[in-house]
């Protein structure tokens, strides 16, 4: 039986959730970039939300592994969150699952875009690519998402789960595609194709997350607390 947890609805949790999401998707883009270098033999470029192969490298054959690497890492992190839930650490697990933006993976496929559809068009092709990749995405997302939902012990669980699925998408978009994208335009310096701004932002986010977690480690809500506030 999955242990339930109270999601702390306060500013600290929002910041911790956002930092974990930022670091997770930063790692998603960075592993794209590093695997592209390993398979192509030359450094491409990347931002907070995209990566590009080096000039002369074509997105075919083994280079497609670079496209696969990003979502593969994201799914590994989601399933690591599921393992934490099953292992008795539901708050950390729910946060890790949802901070990796499972809805974003589904929405991009529904819009016939994203890494999954690049792979689908290359490996399946034709009209079958979209339904196959949509089915595969749903199949991969369902287990950690269902576990995360069941582990939430707050009152009005459906509404909170929906909020944790949807609202982080807007925060991620505002932070990466608006704020940091504008800063990157004025500070495009990079090392091996990785923007210095990206490295600084990731380091600061990691330091802030560690400081917050050390200041007040997460705890699992007790059964008495859960009984007093059952999910609806």
C-alpha atoms as a PDB file:
ATOM      1  CA  UNK A   1       0.000   0.000   0.000  1.00  0.00           C
ATOM      2  CA  UNK A   2       1.327   3.453  -0.946  1.00  0.00           C
ATOM      3  CA  UNK A   3       1.914   5.777   1.984  1.00  0.00           C
ATOM      4  CA  UNK A   4       0.186   9.151   1.652  1.00  0.00           C
ATOM      5  CA  UNK A   5       1.813  12.498   2.309  1.00  0.00           C
ATOM      6  CA  UNK A   6       0.655  16.035   2.854  1.00  0.00           C
ATOM      7  CA  UNK A   7       2.040  18.377   0.199  1.00  0.00           C
ATOM      8  CA  UNK A   8       3.099  21.508   2.149  1.00  0.00           C
ATOM      9  CA  UNK A   9       1.262  24.348   0.439  1.00  0.00           C
ATOM     10  CA  UNK A  10       3.698  27.123   1.263  1.00  0.00           C
ATOM     11  CA  UNK A  11       6.236  29.306  -0.476  1.00  0.00           C
ATOM     12  CA  UNK A  12       9.190  27.143   0.489  1.00  0.00           C
ATOM     13  CA  UNK A  13       7.707  24.100  -1.204  1.00  0.00           C
ATOM     14  CA  UNK A  14       6.959  26.097  -4.360  1.00  0.00           C
ATOM     15  CA  UNK A  15      10.584  27.245  -4.496  1.00  0.00           C
ATOM     16  CA  UNK A  16      11.944  23.737  -3.852  1.00  0.00           C
ATOM     17  CA  UNK A  17       9.618  22.249  -6.499  1.00  0.00           C
ATOM     18  CA  UNK A  18      10.654  24.925  -9.015  1.00  0.00           C
ATOM     19  CA  UNK A  19      14.364  24.399  -8.340  1.00  0.00           C
ATOM     20  CA  UNK A  20      14.062  20.621  -8.772  1.00  0.00           C
ATOM     21  CA  UNK A  21      12.155  21.126 -12.007  1.00  0.00           C
ATOM     22  CA  UNK A  22      14.698  23.654 -13.266  1.00  0.00           C
ATOM     23  CA  UNK A  23      17.634  21.364 -12.489  1.00  0.00           C
ATOM     24  CA  UNK A  24      15.909  18.299 -13.942  1.00  0.00           C
ATOM     25  CA  UNK A  25      15.140  19.947 -17.260  1.00  0.00           C
ATOM     26  CA  UNK A  26      18.520  21.642 -17.309  1.00  0.00           C
ATOM     27  CA  UNK A  27      20.024  18.161 -17.072  1.00  0.00           C
ATOM     28  CA  UNK A  28      17.614  17.070 -19.836  1.00  0.00           C
ATOM     29  CA  UNK A  29      19.035  19.655 -22.239  1.00  0.00           C
ATOM     30  CA  UNK A  30      22.630  19.137 -21.106  1.00  0.00           C
ATOM     31  CA  UNK A  31      22.537  15.396 -21.729  1.00  0.00           C
ATOM     32  CA  UNK A  32      21.133  16.072 -25.222  1.00  0.00           C
ATOM     33  CA  UNK A  33      24.148  18.290 -25.836  1.00  0.00           C
ATOM     34  CA  UNK A  34      26.764  15.920 -24.378  1.00  0.00           C
ATOM     35  CA  UNK A  35      25.466  12.843 -26.198  1.00  0.00           C
ATOM     36  CA  UNK A  36      25.299  14.850 -29.441  1.00  0.00           C
ATOM     37  CA  UNK A  37      29.009  15.622 -28.993  1.00  0.00           C
ATOM     38  CA  UNK A  38      29.775  11.972 -28.320  1.00  0.00           C
ATOM     39  CA  UNK A  39      27.865  10.677 -31.356  1.00  0.00           C
ATOM     40  CA  UNK A  40      28.597  13.491 -33.817  1.00  0.00           C
ATOM     41  CA  UNK A  41      32.191  14.258 -32.872  1.00  0.00           C
ATOM     42  CA  UNK A  42      31.746  18.022 -32.633  1.00  0.00           C
ATOM     43  CA  UNK A  43      30.186  20.452 -30.198  1.00  0.00           C
ATOM     44  CA  UNK A  44      26.790  21.810 -31.140  1.00  0.00           C
ATOM     45  CA  UNK A  45      24.937  24.441 -29.144  1.00  0.00           C
ATOM     46  CA  UNK A  46      22.201  24.554 -26.542  1.00  0.00           C
ATOM     47  CA  UNK A  47      19.974  26.885 -24.565  1.00  0.00           C
ATOM     48  CA  UNK A  48      17.773  26.323 -21.534  1.00  0.00           C
ATOM     49  CA  UNK A  49      15.116  24.643 -23.690  1.00  0.00           C
ATOM     50  CA  UNK A  50      16.725  23.532 -26.968  1.00  0.00           C
ATOM     51  CA  UNK A  51      19.819  21.882 -28.383  1.00  0.00           C
ATOM     52  CA  UNK A  52      21.286  21.941 -31.886  1.00  0.00           C
ATOM     53  CA  UNK A  53      23.763  19.642 -33.593  1.00  0.00           C
ATOM     54  CA  UNK A  54      27.078  20.954 -34.891  1.00  0.00           C
ATOM     55  CA  UNK A  55      27.202  22.111 -38.486  1.00  0.00           C
ATOM     56  CA  UNK A  56      27.496  19.119 -40.768  1.00  0.00           C
ATOM     57  CA  UNK A  57      25.903  16.654 -38.361  1.00  0.00           C
ATOM     58  CA  UNK A  58      22.642  15.177 -39.555  1.00  0.00           C
ATOM     59  CA  UNK A  59      19.912  13.937 -37.175  1.00  0.00           C
ATOM     60  CA  UNK A  60      20.099  10.369 -38.481  1.00  0.00           C
ATOM     61  CA  UNK A  61      21.515   7.054 -37.321  1.00  0.00           C
ATOM     62  CA  UNK A  62      23.463   7.080 -34.096  1.00  0.00           C
ATOM     63  CA  UNK A  63      23.104  10.857 -33.749  1.00  0.00           C
ATOM     64  CA  UNK A  64      19.430  10.258 -32.934  1.00  0.00           C
ATOM     65  CA  UNK A  65      20.643   8.817 -29.643  1.00  0.00           C
ATOM     66  CA  UNK A  66      21.216  12.444 -28.621  1.00  0.00           C
ATOM     67  CA  UNK A  67      17.503  13.107 -29.121  1.00  0.00           C
ATOM     68  CA  UNK A  68      16.616  10.002 -27.144  1.00  0.00           C
ATOM     69  CA  UNK A  69      18.934  10.908 -24.251  1.00  0.00           C
ATOM     70  CA  UNK A  70      16.860  13.850 -23.009  1.00  0.00           C
ATOM     71  CA  UNK A  71      13.471  12.163 -22.577  1.00  0.00           C
ATOM     72  CA  UNK A  72      15.220   8.991 -21.393  1.00  0.00           C
ATOM     73  CA  UNK A  73      16.736  10.931 -18.484  1.00  0.00           C
ATOM     74  CA  UNK A  74      13.403  12.593 -17.727  1.00  0.00           C
ATOM     75  CA  UNK A  75      11.585   9.258 -17.585  1.00  0.00           C
ATOM     76  CA  UNK A  76      14.354   7.780 -15.420  1.00  0.00           C
ATOM     77  CA  UNK A  77      13.890  10.649 -12.954  1.00  0.00           C
ATOM     78  CA  UNK A  78      10.112  10.142 -12.926  1.00  0.00           C
ATOM     79  CA  UNK A  79      10.523   6.453 -12.208  1.00  0.00           C
ATOM     80  CA  UNK A  80      13.084   7.280  -9.532  1.00  0.00           C
ATOM     81  CA  UNK A  81      10.342   9.388  -7.973  1.00  0.00           C
ATOM     82  CA  UNK A  82       7.966   6.434  -8.215  1.00  0.00           C
ATOM     83  CA  UNK A  83      10.568   4.278  -6.468  1.00  0.00           C
ATOM     84  CA  UNK A  84      10.809   6.839  -3.661  1.00  0.00           C
ATOM     85  CA  UNK A  85       7.033   6.712  -3.219  1.00  0.00           C
ATOM     86  CA  UNK A  86       7.066   2.921  -3.028  1.00  0.00           C
ATOM     87  CA  UNK A  87      10.073   3.071  -0.711  1.00  0.00           C
ATOM     88  CA  UNK A  88       8.271   5.162   1.901  1.00  0.00           C
ATOM     89  CA  UNK A  89       9.388   8.664   0.900  1.00  0.00           C
ATOM     90  CA  UNK A  90       6.203   9.910  -0.768  1.00  0.00           C
ATOM     91  CA  UNK A  91       6.810  13.668  -0.526  1.00  0.00           C
ATOM     92  CA  UNK A  92      10.180  13.475  -2.247  1.00  0.00           C
ATOM     93  CA  UNK A  93       8.773  10.977  -4.754  1.00  0.00           C
ATOM     94  CA  UNK A  94       5.680  12.974  -5.691  1.00  0.00           C
ATOM     95  CA  UNK A  95       7.814  16.077  -6.089  1.00  0.00           C
ATOM     96  CA  UNK A  96      10.371  14.357  -8.322  1.00  0.00           C
ATOM     97  CA  UNK A  97       7.684  12.835 -10.538  1.00  0.00           C
ATOM     98  CA  UNK A  98       5.717  16.050 -11.029  1.00  0.00           C
ATOM     99  CA  UNK A  99       8.729  18.394 -11.167  1.00  0.00           C
ATOM    100  CA  UNK A 100       9.779  16.561 -14.323  1.00  0.00           C
ATOM    101  CA  UNK A 101       6.653  17.951 -15.985  1.00  0.00           C
ATOM    102  CA  UNK A 102       4.899  14.789 -17.187  1.00  0.00           C
ATOM    103  CA  UNK A 103       2.151  16.880 -18.775  1.00  0.00           C
ATOM    104  CA  UNK A 104       4.738  18.656 -20.933  1.00  0.00           C
ATOM    105  CA  UNK A 105       5.851  15.331 -22.400  1.00  0.00           C
ATOM    106  CA  UNK A 106       2.258  14.456 -23.283  1.00  0.00           C
ATOM    107  CA  UNK A 107       1.291  17.865 -24.642  1.00  0.00           C
ATOM    108  CA  UNK A 108       4.276  18.065 -27.006  1.00  0.00           C
ATOM    109  CA  UNK A 109       3.365  14.673 -28.477  1.00  0.00           C
ATOM    110  CA  UNK A 110      -0.296  15.681 -28.782  1.00  0.00           C
ATOM    111  CA  UNK A 111       0.925  18.729 -30.737  1.00  0.00           C
ATOM    112  CA  UNK A 112       3.009  16.354 -32.907  1.00  0.00           C
ATOM    113  CA  UNK A 113       6.271  17.843 -31.647  1.00  0.00           C
ATOM    114  CA  UNK A 114       9.013  17.255 -29.122  1.00  0.00           C
ATOM    115  CA  UNK A 115      11.763  14.677 -28.861  1.00  0.00           C
ATOM    116  CA  UNK A 116       9.352  11.768 -28.967  1.00  0.00           C
ATOM    117  CA  UNK A 117       7.981  12.767 -32.367  1.00  0.00           C
ATOM    118  CA  UNK A 118      11.468  13.380 -33.793  1.00  0.00           C
ATOM    119  CA  UNK A 119      12.265   9.785 -32.879  1.00  0.00           C
ATOM    120  CA  UNK A 120       8.900   8.521 -34.076  1.00  0.00           C
ATOM    121  CA  UNK A 121       9.254  10.103 -37.508  1.00  0.00           C
ATOM    122  CA  UNK A 122      12.797   8.765 -37.863  1.00  0.00           C
ATOM    123  CA  UNK A 123      12.191   5.230 -36.618  1.00  0.00           C
ATOM    124  CA  UNK A 124       8.545   4.611 -37.564  1.00  0.00           C
ATOM    125  CA  UNK A 125       7.670   7.202 -40.185  1.00  0.00           C
ATOM    126  CA  UNK A 126       4.427   7.740 -42.028  1.00  0.00           C
ATOM    127  CA  UNK A 127       1.068   8.185 -40.393  1.00  0.00           C
ATOM    128  CA  UNK A 128       1.801   5.556 -37.748  1.00  0.00           C
ATOM    129  CA  UNK A 129       4.428   7.639 -35.941  1.00  0.00           C
ATOM    130  CA  UNK A 130       2.007   9.865 -34.050  1.00  0.00           C
ATOM    131  CA  UNK A 131      -0.413   7.243 -32.647  1.00  0.00           C
ATOM    132  CA  UNK A 132       2.449   4.907 -31.748  1.00  0.00           C
ATOM    133  CA  UNK A 133       4.423   7.606 -29.917  1.00  0.00           C
ATOM    134  CA  UNK A 134       1.283   8.917 -28.219  1.00  0.00           C
ATOM    135  CA  UNK A 135       0.458   5.428 -26.945  1.00  0.00           C
ATOM    136  CA  UNK A 136       4.055   4.866 -25.829  1.00  0.00           C
ATOM    137  CA  UNK A 137       4.151   8.212 -24.023  1.00  0.00           C
ATOM    138  CA  UNK A 138       0.918   7.474 -22.178  1.00  0.00           C
ATOM    139  CA  UNK A 139       2.194   4.013 -21.285  1.00  0.00           C
ATOM    140  CA  UNK A 140       5.409   5.446 -19.836  1.00  0.00           C
ATOM    141  CA  UNK A 141       3.751   8.324 -17.990  1.00  0.00           C
ATOM    142  CA  UNK A 142       0.872   6.420 -16.420  1.00  0.00           C
ATOM    143  CA  UNK A 143       2.660   4.402 -13.687  1.00  0.00           C
ATOM    144  CA  UNK A 144       4.587   7.262 -12.013  1.00  0.00           C
ATOM    145  CA  UNK A 145       1.691   9.704 -12.465  1.00  0.00           C
ATOM    146  CA  UNK A 146      -0.836   7.320 -10.902  1.00  0.00           C
ATOM    147  CA  UNK A 147       1.502   6.589  -7.996  1.00  0.00           C
ATOM    148  CA  UNK A 148       2.042  10.312  -7.440  1.00  0.00           C
ATOM    149  CA  UNK A 149      -1.706  10.968  -7.447  1.00  0.00           C
ATOM    150  CA  UNK A 150      -2.420   8.186  -4.972  1.00  0.00           C
ATOM    151  CA  UNK A 151       0.381   9.346  -2.665  1.00  0.00           C
ATOM    152  CA  UNK A 152      -1.079  12.839  -2.201  1.00  0.00           C
ATOM    153  CA  UNK A 153      -2.947  12.984   1.082  1.00  0.00           C
ATOM    154  CA  UNK A 154      -4.173  16.581   0.957  1.00  0.00           C
ATOM    155  CA  UNK A 155      -7.820  17.524   0.961  1.00  0.00           C
ATOM    156  CA  UNK A 156      -9.090  18.170  -2.578  1.00  0.00           C
ATOM    157  CA  UNK A 157      -6.440  15.858  -4.041  1.00  0.00           C
ATOM    158  CA  UNK A 158      -7.707  16.036  -7.673  1.00  0.00           C
ATOM    159  CA  UNK A 159      -7.466  19.823  -7.762  1.00  0.00           C
ATOM    160  CA  UNK A 160      -4.005  19.855  -6.185  1.00  0.00           C
ATOM    161  CA  UNK A 161      -2.730  17.161  -8.530  1.00  0.00           C
ATOM    162  CA  UNK A 162      -4.058  19.093 -11.529  1.00  0.00           C
ATOM    163  CA  UNK A 163      -2.419  22.282 -10.259  1.00  0.00           C
ATOM    164  CA  UNK A 164       0.927  20.517  -9.839  1.00  0.00           C
ATOM    165  CA  UNK A 165       0.631  19.205 -13.389  1.00  0.00           C
ATOM    166  CA  UNK A 166      -0.372  22.457 -15.078  1.00  0.00           C
ATOM    167  CA  UNK A 167       1.004  25.459 -13.177  1.00  0.00           C
ATOM    168  CA  UNK A 168       4.681  24.402 -13.352  1.00  0.00           C
ATOM    169  CA  UNK A 169       4.418  24.490 -17.154  1.00  0.00           C
ATOM    170  CA  UNK A 170       3.697  28.224 -17.051  1.00  0.00           C
ATOM    171  CA  UNK A 171       6.444  28.847 -14.494  1.00  0.00           C
ATOM    172  CA  UNK A 172       8.911  26.915 -16.649  1.00  0.00           C
ATOM    173  CA  UNK A 173       7.893  28.835 -19.761  1.00  0.00           C
ATOM    174  CA  UNK A 174       8.121  32.237 -18.078  1.00  0.00           C
ATOM    175  CA  UNK A 175      11.476  31.459 -16.492  1.00  0.00           C
ATOM    176  CA  UNK A 176      13.261  29.812 -19.416  1.00  0.00           C
ATOM    177  CA  UNK A 177      11.608  31.066 -22.579  1.00  0.00           C
ATOM    178  CA  UNK A 178      11.084  34.646 -21.430  1.00  0.00           C
ATOM    179  CA  UNK A 179      13.363  35.761 -18.598  1.00  0.00           C
ATOM    180  CA  UNK A 180      16.469  33.630 -19.152  1.00  0.00           C
ATOM    181  CA  UNK A 181      16.078  33.695 -22.944  1.00  0.00           C
ATOM    182  CA  UNK A 182      16.266  37.491 -22.878  1.00  0.00           C
ATOM    183  CA  UNK A 183      19.319  37.464 -20.632  1.00  0.00           C
ATOM    184  CA  UNK A 184      20.945  34.890 -22.913  1.00  0.00           C
ATOM    185  CA  UNK A 185      20.492  37.226 -25.876  1.00  0.00           C
ATOM    186  CA  UNK A 186      22.661  39.833 -24.171  1.00  0.00           C
ATOM    187  CA  UNK A 187      25.147  37.306 -22.732  1.00  0.00           C
ATOM    188  CA  UNK A 188      25.627  34.571 -25.345  1.00  0.00           C
ATOM    189  CA  UNK A 189      29.127  33.516 -24.198  1.00  0.00           C
ATOM    190  CA  UNK A 190      29.532  29.754 -24.091  1.00  0.00           C
ATOM    191  CA  UNK A 191      32.021  27.004 -23.300  1.00  0.00           C
ATOM    192  CA  UNK A 192      31.898  23.984 -25.628  1.00  0.00           C
ATOM    193  CA  UNK A 193      28.475  25.149 -26.766  1.00  0.00           C
ATOM    194  CA  UNK A 194      27.097  25.451 -23.226  1.00  0.00           C
ATOM    195  CA  UNK A 195      26.084  29.037 -22.338  1.00  0.00           C
ATOM    196  CA  UNK A 196      27.900  30.458 -19.322  1.00  0.00           C
ATOM    197  CA  UNK A 197      24.522  31.729 -18.148  1.00  0.00           C
ATOM    198  CA  UNK A 198      23.271  28.138 -18.118  1.00  0.00           C
ATOM    199  CA  UNK A 199      26.206  26.970 -15.997  1.00  0.00           C
ATOM    200  CA  UNK A 200      25.820  29.856 -13.550  1.00  0.00           C
ATOM    201  CA  UNK A 201      22.052  29.360 -13.273  1.00  0.00           C
ATOM    202  CA  UNK A 202      22.386  25.615 -12.691  1.00  0.00           C
ATOM    203  CA  UNK A 203      25.061  26.133 -10.027  1.00  0.00           C
ATOM    204  CA  UNK A 204      22.983  28.744  -8.209  1.00  0.00           C
ATOM    205  CA  UNK A 205      19.856  26.592  -8.396  1.00  0.00           C
ATOM    206  CA  UNK A 206      21.711  23.565  -6.995  1.00  0.00           C
ATOM    207  CA  UNK A 207      23.200  25.638  -4.164  1.00  0.00           C
ATOM    208  CA  UNK A 208      19.831  27.162  -3.293  1.00  0.00           C
ATOM    209  CA  UNK A 209      18.131  23.755  -3.293  1.00  0.00           C
ATOM    210  CA  UNK A 210      20.756  22.240  -0.996  1.00  0.00           C
ATOM    211  CA  UNK A 211      20.502  25.193   1.366  1.00  0.00           C
ATOM    212  CA  UNK A 212      16.702  24.906   1.569  1.00  0.00           C
ATOM    213  CA  UNK A 213      16.761  21.163   2.150  1.00  0.00           C
ATOM    214  CA  UNK A 214      19.443  21.398   4.820  1.00  0.00           C
ATOM    215  CA  UNK A 215      17.626  24.195   6.605  1.00  0.00           C
ATOM    216  CA  UNK A 216      14.469  22.114   7.047  1.00  0.00           C
ATOM    217  CA  UNK A 217      14.515  18.547   5.727  1.00  0.00           C
ATOM    218  CA  UNK A 218      11.261  17.205   4.396  1.00  0.00           C
ATOM    219  CA  UNK A 219       9.291  14.924   6.627  1.00  0.00           C
ATOM    220  CA  UNK A 220       6.433  12.530   5.976  1.00  0.00           C
ATOM    221  CA  UNK A 221       3.124  13.589   7.468  1.00  0.00           C
ATOM    222  CA  UNK A 222       1.994  11.371  10.333  1.00  0.00           C
ATOM    223  CA  UNK A 223      -1.024   9.126  10.162  1.00  0.00           C
ATOM    224  CA  UNK A 224      -2.909  11.275  12.657  1.00  0.00           C
ATOM    225  CA  UNK A 225      -2.445  14.319  10.472  1.00  0.00           C
ATOM    226  CA  UNK A 226      -3.571  12.399   7.418  1.00  0.00           C
ATOM    227  CA  UNK A 227      -6.646  11.088   9.220  1.00  0.00           C
ATOM    228  CA  UNK A 228      -7.591  14.632  10.159  1.00  0.00           C
ATOM    229  CA  UNK A 229      -7.354  15.782   6.544  1.00  0.00           C
ATOM    230  CA  UNK A 230      -8.428  12.967   4.247  1.00  0.00           C
ATOM    231  CA  UNK A 231      -8.280  13.449   0.470  1.00  0.00           C
ATOM    232  CA  UNK A 232     -11.512  14.234  -1.351  1.00  0.00           C
END
